[in-house]
Amino acid sequence: MTSSVNLRSLMDSNKLTGPNFLDWLRNLRIVLRSEKLGYILDVPLPDPLAADASDEDQKANRKHFKDSDIATCIMLASMSPELQKQHESMDAHTIVFHLRELFDEQARSERFETSRLLFTTKMTPGSSVVQYALKMNGYCTTDEWVY
């Protein structure tokens, strides 16, 4: 619980203002993963269950909605007031989808820059293969490629 609270403070100190979307999303994924809620950003809310659904299905459905509510609150609390107003009636998955649409141009520019670095980086003769591999791997494991 203590580490969870400490990680949530990461979101408090890095509120989403727009231009920092990719950094904010990276921090959000860290916080949600620490709280076992990482799947919420990638999986839409399930459809309502039929009245005769099994207890197991109902329990899973309730858990997903509860987890989504927690993630949504974390997200809204870490946004600027303007963005909060725009997204307060949405669930977590929908918020991320909408934010990606809003800030996709910035993300596209960052992906382009990462691609440029990948294509132009060459290993210099006599340098360490390990260092070169780590550098190239670092380019490939950024959040820009999550899209």
N, C-alpha and C. Protein backbone atom coordinates (compact mmCIF):
# COMPACT_ATOMS: atom_id res chain seq x y z
N MET A 1 0.83 -1.20 0.00
CA MET A 1 0.00 0.00 0.00
C MET A 1 0.87 1.25 0.00
N THR A 2 1.97 1.23 0.79
CA THR A 2 2.82 2.41 0.86
C THR A 2 3.46 2.71 -0.48
N SER A 3 3.96 1.67 -1.17
CA SER A 3 4.58 1.91 -2.48
C SER A 3 3.55 2.41 -3.47
N SER A 4 2.31 1.95 -3.34
CA SER A 4 1.23 2.40 -4.21
C SER A 4 0.99 3.90 -4.03
N VAL A 5 0.99 4.35 -2.79
CA VAL A 5 0.78 5.77 -2.51
C VAL A 5 1.95 6.58 -3.06
N ASN A 6 3.18 6.07 -2.90
CA ASN A 6 4.35 6.77 -3.41
C ASN A 6 4.31 6.87 -4.93
N LEU A 7 3.88 5.81 -5.60
CA LEU A 7 3.79 5.86 -7.05
C LEU A 7 2.68 6.80 -7.51
N ARG A 8 1.60 6.86 -6.76
CA ARG A 8 0.53 7.80 -7.13
C ARG A 8 1.01 9.24 -7.04
N SER A 9 1.96 9.50 -6.15
CA SER A 9 2.50 10.86 -6.07
C SER A 9 3.26 11.22 -7.35
N LEU A 10 3.72 10.21 -8.07
CA LEU A 10 4.34 10.43 -9.38
C LEU A 10 3.35 11.12 -10.32
N MET A 11 2.09 10.71 -10.26
CA MET A 11 1.06 11.32 -11.11
C MET A 11 0.73 12.73 -10.64
N ASP A 12 0.79 12.96 -9.32
CA ASP A 12 0.51 14.30 -8.80
C ASP A 12 1.55 15.31 -9.26
N SER A 13 2.80 14.86 -9.33
CA SER A 13 3.87 15.79 -9.71
C SER A 13 4.00 15.95 -11.22
N ASN A 14 3.30 15.13 -12.00
CA ASN A 14 3.39 15.20 -13.46
C ASN A 14 1.99 15.24 -14.07
N LYS A 15 1.27 16.30 -13.79
CA LYS A 15 -0.10 16.41 -14.31
C LYS A 15 -0.09 16.57 -15.83
N LEU A 16 -1.09 15.98 -16.47
CA LEU A 16 -1.22 16.07 -17.92
C LEU A 16 -1.67 17.47 -18.31
N THR A 17 -0.88 18.10 -19.15
CA THR A 17 -1.23 19.43 -19.66
C THR A 17 -1.42 19.42 -21.17
N GLY A 18 -1.00 18.37 -21.81
CA GLY A 18 -1.12 18.25 -23.27
C GLY A 18 0.20 17.89 -23.90
N PRO A 19 1.16 18.83 -23.90
CA PRO A 19 2.44 18.54 -24.54
C PRO A 19 3.21 17.39 -23.87
N ASN A 20 2.90 17.10 -22.63
CA ASN A 20 3.61 16.03 -21.91
C ASN A 20 2.84 14.71 -21.94
N PHE A 21 2.00 14.50 -22.93
CA PHE A 21 1.13 13.32 -22.98
C PHE A 21 1.90 12.01 -22.89
N LEU A 22 2.95 11.85 -23.67
CA LEU A 22 3.67 10.57 -23.67
C LEU A 22 4.33 10.28 -22.33
N ASP A 23 4.91 11.31 -21.70
CA ASP A 23 5.49 11.12 -20.37
C ASP A 23 4.40 10.78 -19.36
N TRP A 24 3.28 11.48 -19.45
CA TRP A 24 2.16 11.22 -18.54
C TRP A 24 1.64 9.80 -18.72
N LEU A 25 1.51 9.35 -19.96
CA LEU A 25 1.02 8.00 -20.23
C LEU A 25 1.99 6.95 -19.69
N ARG A 26 3.28 7.19 -19.85
CA ARG A 26 4.29 6.27 -19.32
C ARG A 26 4.16 6.16 -17.80
N ASN A 27 4.03 7.31 -17.12
CA ASN A 27 3.88 7.32 -15.66
C ASN A 27 2.57 6.65 -15.25
N LEU A 28 1.50 6.90 -16.00
CA LEU A 28 0.21 6.29 -15.69
C LEU A 28 0.31 4.77 -15.77
N ARG A 29 0.95 4.26 -16.81
CA ARG A 29 1.10 2.80 -16.95
C ARG A 29 1.88 2.22 -15.77
N ILE A 30 2.89 2.93 -15.30
CA ILE A 30 3.67 2.46 -14.14
C ILE A 30 2.77 2.38 -12.92
N VAL A 31 2.02 3.44 -12.66
CA VAL A 31 1.14 3.47 -11.48
C VAL A 31 0.07 2.38 -11.57
N LEU A 32 -0.58 2.27 -12.72
CA LEU A 32 -1.65 1.27 -12.87
C LEU A 32 -1.09 -0.15 -12.78
N ARG A 33 0.08 -0.38 -13.33
CA ARG A 33 0.68 -1.71 -13.24
C ARG A 33 0.98 -2.05 -11.78
N SER A 34 1.43 -1.07 -11.00
CA SER A 34 1.73 -1.33 -9.59
C SER A 34 0.47 -1.67 -8.80
N GLU A 35 -0.67 -1.21 -9.28
CA GLU A 35 -1.93 -1.48 -8.59
C GLU A 35 -2.72 -2.60 -9.25
N LYS A 36 -2.07 -3.34 -10.15
CA LYS A 36 -2.68 -4.48 -10.86
C LYS A 36 -3.86 -4.04 -11.72
N LEU A 37 -3.76 -2.83 -12.30
CA LEU A 37 -4.84 -2.28 -13.13
C LEU A 37 -4.37 -1.96 -14.54
N GLY A 38 -3.20 -2.43 -14.91
CA GLY A 38 -2.62 -2.09 -16.21
C GLY A 38 -3.48 -2.47 -17.40
N TYR A 39 -4.26 -3.51 -17.26
CA TYR A 39 -5.09 -3.98 -18.38
C TYR A 39 -6.20 -3.00 -18.75
N ILE A 40 -6.57 -2.14 -17.83
CA ILE A 40 -7.71 -1.24 -18.02
C ILE A 40 -7.53 -0.32 -19.23
N LEU A 41 -6.31 0.12 -19.50
CA LEU A 41 -6.08 1.03 -20.61
C LEU A 41 -6.22 0.35 -21.96
N ASP A 42 -6.05 -0.96 -21.99
CA ASP A 42 -6.05 -1.69 -23.26
C ASP A 42 -7.33 -2.45 -23.54
N VAL A 43 -8.15 -2.65 -22.53
CA VAL A 43 -9.37 -3.46 -22.69
C VAL A 43 -10.60 -2.59 -22.43
N PRO A 44 -11.48 -2.46 -23.41
CA PRO A 44 -12.69 -1.65 -23.18
C PRO A 44 -13.61 -2.29 -22.14
N LEU A 45 -14.49 -1.48 -21.59
CA LEU A 45 -15.46 -2.00 -20.62
C LEU A 45 -16.30 -3.09 -21.28
N PRO A 46 -16.60 -4.15 -20.55
CA PRO A 46 -17.42 -5.21 -21.13
C PRO A 46 -18.88 -4.77 -21.31
N ASP A 47 -19.56 -5.46 -22.20
CA ASP A 47 -20.99 -5.21 -22.38
C ASP A 47 -21.75 -5.69 -21.15
N PRO A 48 -22.92 -5.13 -20.89
CA PRO A 48 -23.73 -5.61 -19.76
C PRO A 48 -24.02 -7.11 -19.93
N LEU A 49 -24.03 -7.80 -18.81
CA LEU A 49 -24.28 -9.24 -18.84
C LEU A 49 -25.77 -9.54 -18.87
N ALA A 50 -26.08 -10.69 -19.39
CA ALA A 50 -27.46 -11.17 -19.36
C ALA A 50 -27.84 -11.50 -17.92
N ALA A 51 -29.11 -11.48 -17.64
CA ALA A 51 -29.58 -11.74 -16.28
C ALA A 51 -29.20 -13.13 -15.79
N ASP A 52 -29.06 -14.08 -16.71
CA ASP A 52 -28.75 -15.45 -16.31
C ASP A 52 -27.25 -15.77 -16.38
N ALA A 53 -26.40 -14.74 -16.38
CA ALA A 53 -24.96 -14.96 -16.43
C ALA A 53 -24.49 -15.64 -15.16
N SER A 54 -23.43 -16.41 -15.28
CA SER A 54 -22.90 -17.15 -14.12
C SER A 54 -22.35 -16.17 -13.08
N ASP A 55 -22.27 -16.66 -11.85
CA ASP A 55 -21.73 -15.84 -10.76
C ASP A 55 -20.29 -15.42 -11.08
N GLU A 56 -19.54 -16.32 -11.68
CA GLU A 56 -18.15 -16.03 -12.02
C GLU A 56 -18.07 -14.89 -13.04
N ASP A 57 -18.93 -14.92 -14.05
CA ASP A 57 -18.95 -13.85 -15.05
C ASP A 57 -19.38 -12.52 -14.43
N GLN A 58 -20.37 -12.56 -13.54
CA GLN A 58 -20.83 -11.34 -12.88
C GLN A 58 -19.73 -10.75 -12.01
N LYS A 59 -19.01 -11.63 -11.31
CA LYS A 59 -17.92 -11.17 -10.45
C LYS A 59 -16.81 -10.52 -11.29
N ALA A 60 -16.45 -11.15 -12.41
CA ALA A 60 -15.42 -10.60 -13.30
C ALA A 60 -15.86 -9.26 -13.88
N ASN A 61 -17.13 -9.17 -14.23
CA ASN A 61 -17.67 -7.93 -14.79
C ASN A 61 -17.63 -6.80 -13.75
N ARG A 62 -18.05 -7.09 -12.53
CA ARG A 62 -18.01 -6.09 -11.46
C ARG A 62 -16.57 -5.64 -11.20
N LYS A 63 -15.63 -6.60 -11.19
CA LYS A 63 -14.22 -6.27 -10.95
C LYS A 63 -13.70 -5.33 -12.04
N HIS A 64 -14.04 -5.62 -13.28
CA HIS A 64 -13.57 -4.77 -14.38
C HIS A 64 -14.11 -3.35 -14.24
N PHE A 65 -15.38 -3.21 -13.91
CA PHE A 65 -15.97 -1.87 -13.74
C PHE A 65 -15.34 -1.15 -12.54
N LYS A 66 -15.10 -1.88 -11.46
CA LYS A 66 -14.49 -1.28 -10.27
C LYS A 66 -13.06 -0.83 -10.59
N ASP A 67 -12.29 -1.70 -11.26
CA ASP A 67 -10.92 -1.34 -11.64
C ASP A 67 -10.90 -0.14 -12.57
N SER A 68 -11.85 -0.09 -13.49
CA SER A 68 -11.92 1.04 -14.42
C SER A 68 -12.23 2.34 -13.68
N ASP A 69 -13.11 2.28 -12.69
CA ASP A 69 -13.42 3.47 -11.90
C ASP A 69 -12.19 3.99 -11.16
N ILE A 70 -11.41 3.07 -10.58
CA ILE A 70 -10.19 3.47 -9.86
C ILE A 70 -9.20 4.11 -10.83
N ALA A 71 -8.98 3.46 -11.97
CA ALA A 71 -8.05 4.00 -12.97
C ALA A 71 -8.51 5.36 -13.48
N THR A 72 -9.81 5.49 -13.71
CA THR A 72 -10.36 6.77 -14.19
C THR A 72 -10.11 7.87 -13.17
N CYS A 73 -10.31 7.58 -11.90
CA CYS A 73 -10.08 8.59 -10.86
C CYS A 73 -8.61 9.01 -10.80
N ILE A 74 -7.70 8.03 -10.91
CA ILE A 74 -6.27 8.34 -10.92
C ILE A 74 -5.95 9.24 -12.11
N MET A 75 -6.52 8.91 -13.27
CA MET A 75 -6.26 9.69 -14.48
C MET A 75 -6.79 11.11 -14.35
N LEU A 76 -8.04 11.24 -13.93
CA LEU A 76 -8.65 12.57 -13.83
C LEU A 76 -7.93 13.44 -12.80
N ALA A 77 -7.50 12.83 -11.70
CA ALA A 77 -6.80 13.58 -10.67
C ALA A 77 -5.45 14.10 -11.15
N SER A 78 -4.91 13.47 -12.20
CA SER A 78 -3.59 13.87 -12.68
C SER A 78 -3.65 14.68 -13.98
N MET A 79 -4.79 15.33 -14.22
CA MET A 79 -4.95 16.16 -15.42
C MET A 79 -5.16 17.61 -15.04
N SER A 80 -4.91 18.48 -16.00
CA SER A 80 -5.23 19.89 -15.81
C SER A 80 -6.75 20.02 -15.70
N PRO A 81 -7.25 21.07 -15.05
CA PRO A 81 -8.70 21.24 -14.90
C PRO A 81 -9.45 21.23 -16.23
N GLU A 82 -8.87 21.80 -17.28
CA GLU A 82 -9.55 21.82 -18.58
C GLU A 82 -9.74 20.41 -19.12
N LEU A 83 -8.69 19.59 -19.02
CA LEU A 83 -8.78 18.22 -19.50
C LEU A 83 -9.71 17.38 -18.62
N GLN A 84 -9.74 17.67 -17.32
CA GLN A 84 -10.67 16.97 -16.43
C GLN A 84 -12.11 17.19 -16.88
N LYS A 85 -12.44 18.44 -17.17
CA LYS A 85 -13.81 18.76 -17.59
C LYS A 85 -14.19 18.04 -18.87
N GLN A 86 -13.25 17.93 -19.80
CA GLN A 86 -13.52 17.27 -21.07
C GLN A 86 -13.74 15.76 -20.92
N HIS A 87 -13.12 15.16 -19.90
CA HIS A 87 -13.10 13.70 -19.81
C HIS A 87 -13.82 13.12 -18.60
N GLU A 88 -14.45 13.95 -17.78
CA GLU A 88 -15.01 13.46 -16.53
C GLU A 88 -16.15 12.45 -16.70
N SER A 89 -16.78 12.41 -17.85
CA SER A 89 -17.88 11.45 -18.04
C SER A 89 -17.45 10.20 -18.80
N MET A 90 -16.14 10.04 -19.02
CA MET A 90 -15.63 8.89 -19.78
C MET A 90 -14.98 7.87 -18.85
N ASP A 91 -14.88 6.63 -19.34
CA ASP A 91 -14.13 5.61 -18.60
C ASP A 91 -12.66 5.68 -19.01
N ALA A 92 -11.80 4.96 -18.30
CA ALA A 92 -10.35 5.05 -18.50
C ALA A 92 -9.94 4.70 -19.93
N HIS A 93 -10.46 3.61 -20.46
CA HIS A 93 -10.09 3.19 -21.82
C HIS A 93 -10.47 4.25 -22.84
N THR A 94 -11.65 4.81 -22.71
CA THR A 94 -12.13 5.84 -23.64
C THR A 94 -11.31 7.12 -23.50
N ILE A 95 -10.92 7.46 -22.28
CA ILE A 95 -10.09 8.65 -22.06
C ILE A 95 -8.77 8.53 -22.82
N VAL A 96 -8.11 7.38 -22.69
CA VAL A 96 -6.82 7.20 -23.38
C VAL A 96 -7.02 7.26 -24.89
N PHE A 97 -8.08 6.64 -25.38
CA PHE A 97 -8.37 6.69 -26.82
C PHE A 97 -8.53 8.14 -27.28
N HIS A 98 -9.30 8.91 -26.51
CA HIS A 98 -9.55 10.31 -26.87
C HIS A 98 -8.28 11.14 -26.78
N LEU A 99 -7.48 10.93 -25.73
CA LEU A 99 -6.24 11.69 -25.58
C LEU A 99 -5.27 11.38 -26.71
N ARG A 100 -5.24 10.12 -27.14
CA ARG A 100 -4.37 9.78 -28.27
C ARG A 100 -4.80 10.53 -29.53
N GLU A 101 -6.10 10.67 -29.72
CA GLU A 101 -6.58 11.44 -30.87
C GLU A 101 -6.19 12.91 -30.74
N LEU A 102 -6.30 13.46 -29.54
CA LEU A 102 -5.98 14.87 -29.32
C LEU A 102 -4.49 15.16 -29.52
N PHE A 103 -3.65 14.28 -29.02
CA PHE A 103 -2.21 14.55 -28.99
C PHE A 103 -1.42 13.67 -29.94
N ASP A 104 -2.09 13.09 -30.94
CA ASP A 104 -1.42 12.17 -31.85
C ASP A 104 -0.34 12.87 -32.67
N GLU A 105 -0.52 14.12 -33.00
CA GLU A 105 0.48 14.83 -33.81
C GLU A 105 1.82 14.88 -33.08
N GLN A 106 1.77 15.18 -31.78
CA GLN A 106 2.99 15.21 -30.99
C GLN A 106 3.61 13.82 -30.95
N ALA A 107 2.79 12.80 -30.73
CA ALA A 107 3.29 11.44 -30.67
C ALA A 107 3.89 11.03 -32.01
N ARG A 108 3.26 11.43 -33.09
CA ARG A 108 3.77 11.11 -34.43
C ARG A 108 5.15 11.73 -34.62
N SER A 109 5.33 12.95 -34.17
CA SER A 109 6.64 13.62 -34.28
C SER A 109 7.70 12.88 -33.48
N GLU A 110 7.33 12.44 -32.28
CA GLU A 110 8.29 11.71 -31.46
C GLU A 110 8.62 10.36 -32.07
N ARG A 111 7.62 9.68 -32.65
CA ARG A 111 7.89 8.40 -33.32
C ARG A 111 8.81 8.61 -34.52
N PHE A 112 8.59 9.69 -35.26
CA PHE A 112 9.45 9.99 -36.40
C PHE A 112 10.88 10.20 -35.94
N GLU A 113 11.06 10.97 -34.87
CA GLU A 113 12.41 11.23 -34.36
C GLU A 113 13.07 9.93 -33.91
N THR A 114 12.32 9.07 -33.24
CA THR A 114 12.87 7.78 -32.82
C THR A 114 13.25 6.93 -34.03
N SER A 115 12.41 6.91 -35.05
CA SER A 115 12.72 6.17 -36.28
C SER A 115 13.98 6.73 -36.93
N ARG A 116 14.08 8.03 -36.97
CA ARG A 116 15.26 8.66 -37.56
C ARG A 116 16.52 8.24 -36.82
N LEU A 117 16.46 8.23 -35.50
CA LEU A 117 17.61 7.81 -34.71
C LEU A 117 17.97 6.35 -34.98
N LEU A 118 16.94 5.50 -35.08
CA LEU A 118 17.19 4.08 -35.37
C LEU A 118 17.89 3.90 -36.71
N PHE A 119 17.42 4.62 -37.72
CA PHE A 119 17.95 4.43 -39.07
C PHE A 119 19.31 5.08 -39.28
N THR A 120 19.63 6.10 -38.51
CA THR A 120 20.90 6.81 -38.73
C THR A 120 21.99 6.42 -37.74
N THR A 121 21.66 5.71 -36.68
CA THR A 121 22.67 5.34 -35.71
C THR A 121 23.50 4.17 -36.24
N LYS A 122 24.80 4.36 -36.23
CA LYS A 122 25.71 3.32 -36.69
C LYS A 122 26.72 3.02 -35.60
N MET A 123 27.13 1.79 -35.54
CA MET A 123 28.14 1.40 -34.56
C MET A 123 29.51 1.85 -35.06
N THR A 124 30.23 2.53 -34.20
CA THR A 124 31.55 3.00 -34.59
C THR A 124 32.57 1.88 -34.39
N PRO A 125 33.55 1.79 -35.28
CA PRO A 125 34.56 0.73 -35.16
C PRO A 125 35.27 0.81 -33.81
N GLY A 126 35.42 -0.35 -33.19
CA GLY A 126 36.11 -0.43 -31.90
C GLY A 126 35.22 -0.17 -30.70
N SER A 127 33.96 0.19 -30.91
CA SER A 127 33.08 0.45 -29.76
C SER A 127 32.46 -0.86 -29.28
N SER A 128 31.88 -0.82 -28.12
CA SER A 128 31.29 -2.00 -27.48
C SER A 128 29.97 -2.38 -28.15
N VAL A 129 29.86 -3.65 -28.51
CA VAL A 129 28.62 -4.16 -29.10
C VAL A 129 27.49 -4.08 -28.07
N VAL A 130 27.81 -4.35 -26.82
CA VAL A 130 26.80 -4.33 -25.77
C VAL A 130 26.22 -2.92 -25.62
N GLN A 131 27.08 -1.91 -25.59
CA GLN A 131 26.61 -0.54 -25.47
C GLN A 131 25.75 -0.13 -26.66
N TYR A 132 26.17 -0.55 -27.86
CA TYR A 132 25.40 -0.25 -29.06
C TYR A 132 24.03 -0.93 -29.01
N ALA A 133 24.01 -2.20 -28.60
CA ALA A 133 22.74 -2.94 -28.51
C ALA A 133 21.81 -2.31 -27.49
N LEU A 134 22.35 -1.90 -26.35
CA LEU A 134 21.53 -1.25 -25.33
C LEU A 134 20.96 0.08 -25.84
N LYS A 135 21.78 0.82 -26.57
CA LYS A 135 21.32 2.09 -27.13
C LYS A 135 20.18 1.87 -28.12
N MET A 136 20.36 0.91 -29.02
CA MET A 136 19.33 0.62 -30.02
C MET A 136 18.06 0.08 -29.35
N ASN A 137 18.23 -0.78 -28.35
CA ASN A 137 17.08 -1.31 -27.63
C ASN A 137 16.32 -0.19 -26.92
N GLY A 138 17.03 0.78 -26.40
CA GLY A 138 16.39 1.92 -25.74
C GLY A 138 15.49 2.69 -26.69
N TYR A 139 15.89 2.80 -27.95
CA TYR A 139 15.06 3.47 -28.94
C TYR A 139 13.77 2.70 -29.19
N CYS A 140 13.85 1.37 -29.12
CA CYS A 140 12.70 0.52 -29.48
C CYS A 140 11.73 0.29 -28.34
N THR A 141 12.10 0.62 -27.12
CA THR A 141 11.24 0.30 -25.99
C THR A 141 10.58 1.54 -25.38
N THR A 142 10.48 2.60 -26.15
CA THR A 142 9.81 3.79 -25.63
C THR A 142 8.31 3.69 -25.87
N ASP A 143 7.54 4.47 -25.14
CA ASP A 143 6.08 4.42 -25.25
C ASP A 143 5.56 4.90 -26.59
N GLU A 144 6.38 5.60 -27.37
CA GLU A 144 5.89 6.07 -28.65
C GLU A 144 5.48 4.90 -29.53
N TRP A 145 6.06 3.73 -29.29
CA TRP A 145 5.78 2.57 -30.14
C TRP A 145 4.55 1.82 -29.67
N VAL A 146 3.96 2.21 -28.56
CA VAL A 146 2.77 1.54 -28.03
C VAL A 146 1.57 1.77 -28.93
N TYR A 147 1.52 2.87 -29.62
CA TYR A 147 0.38 3.21 -30.46
C TYR A 147 0.19 2.17 -31.48
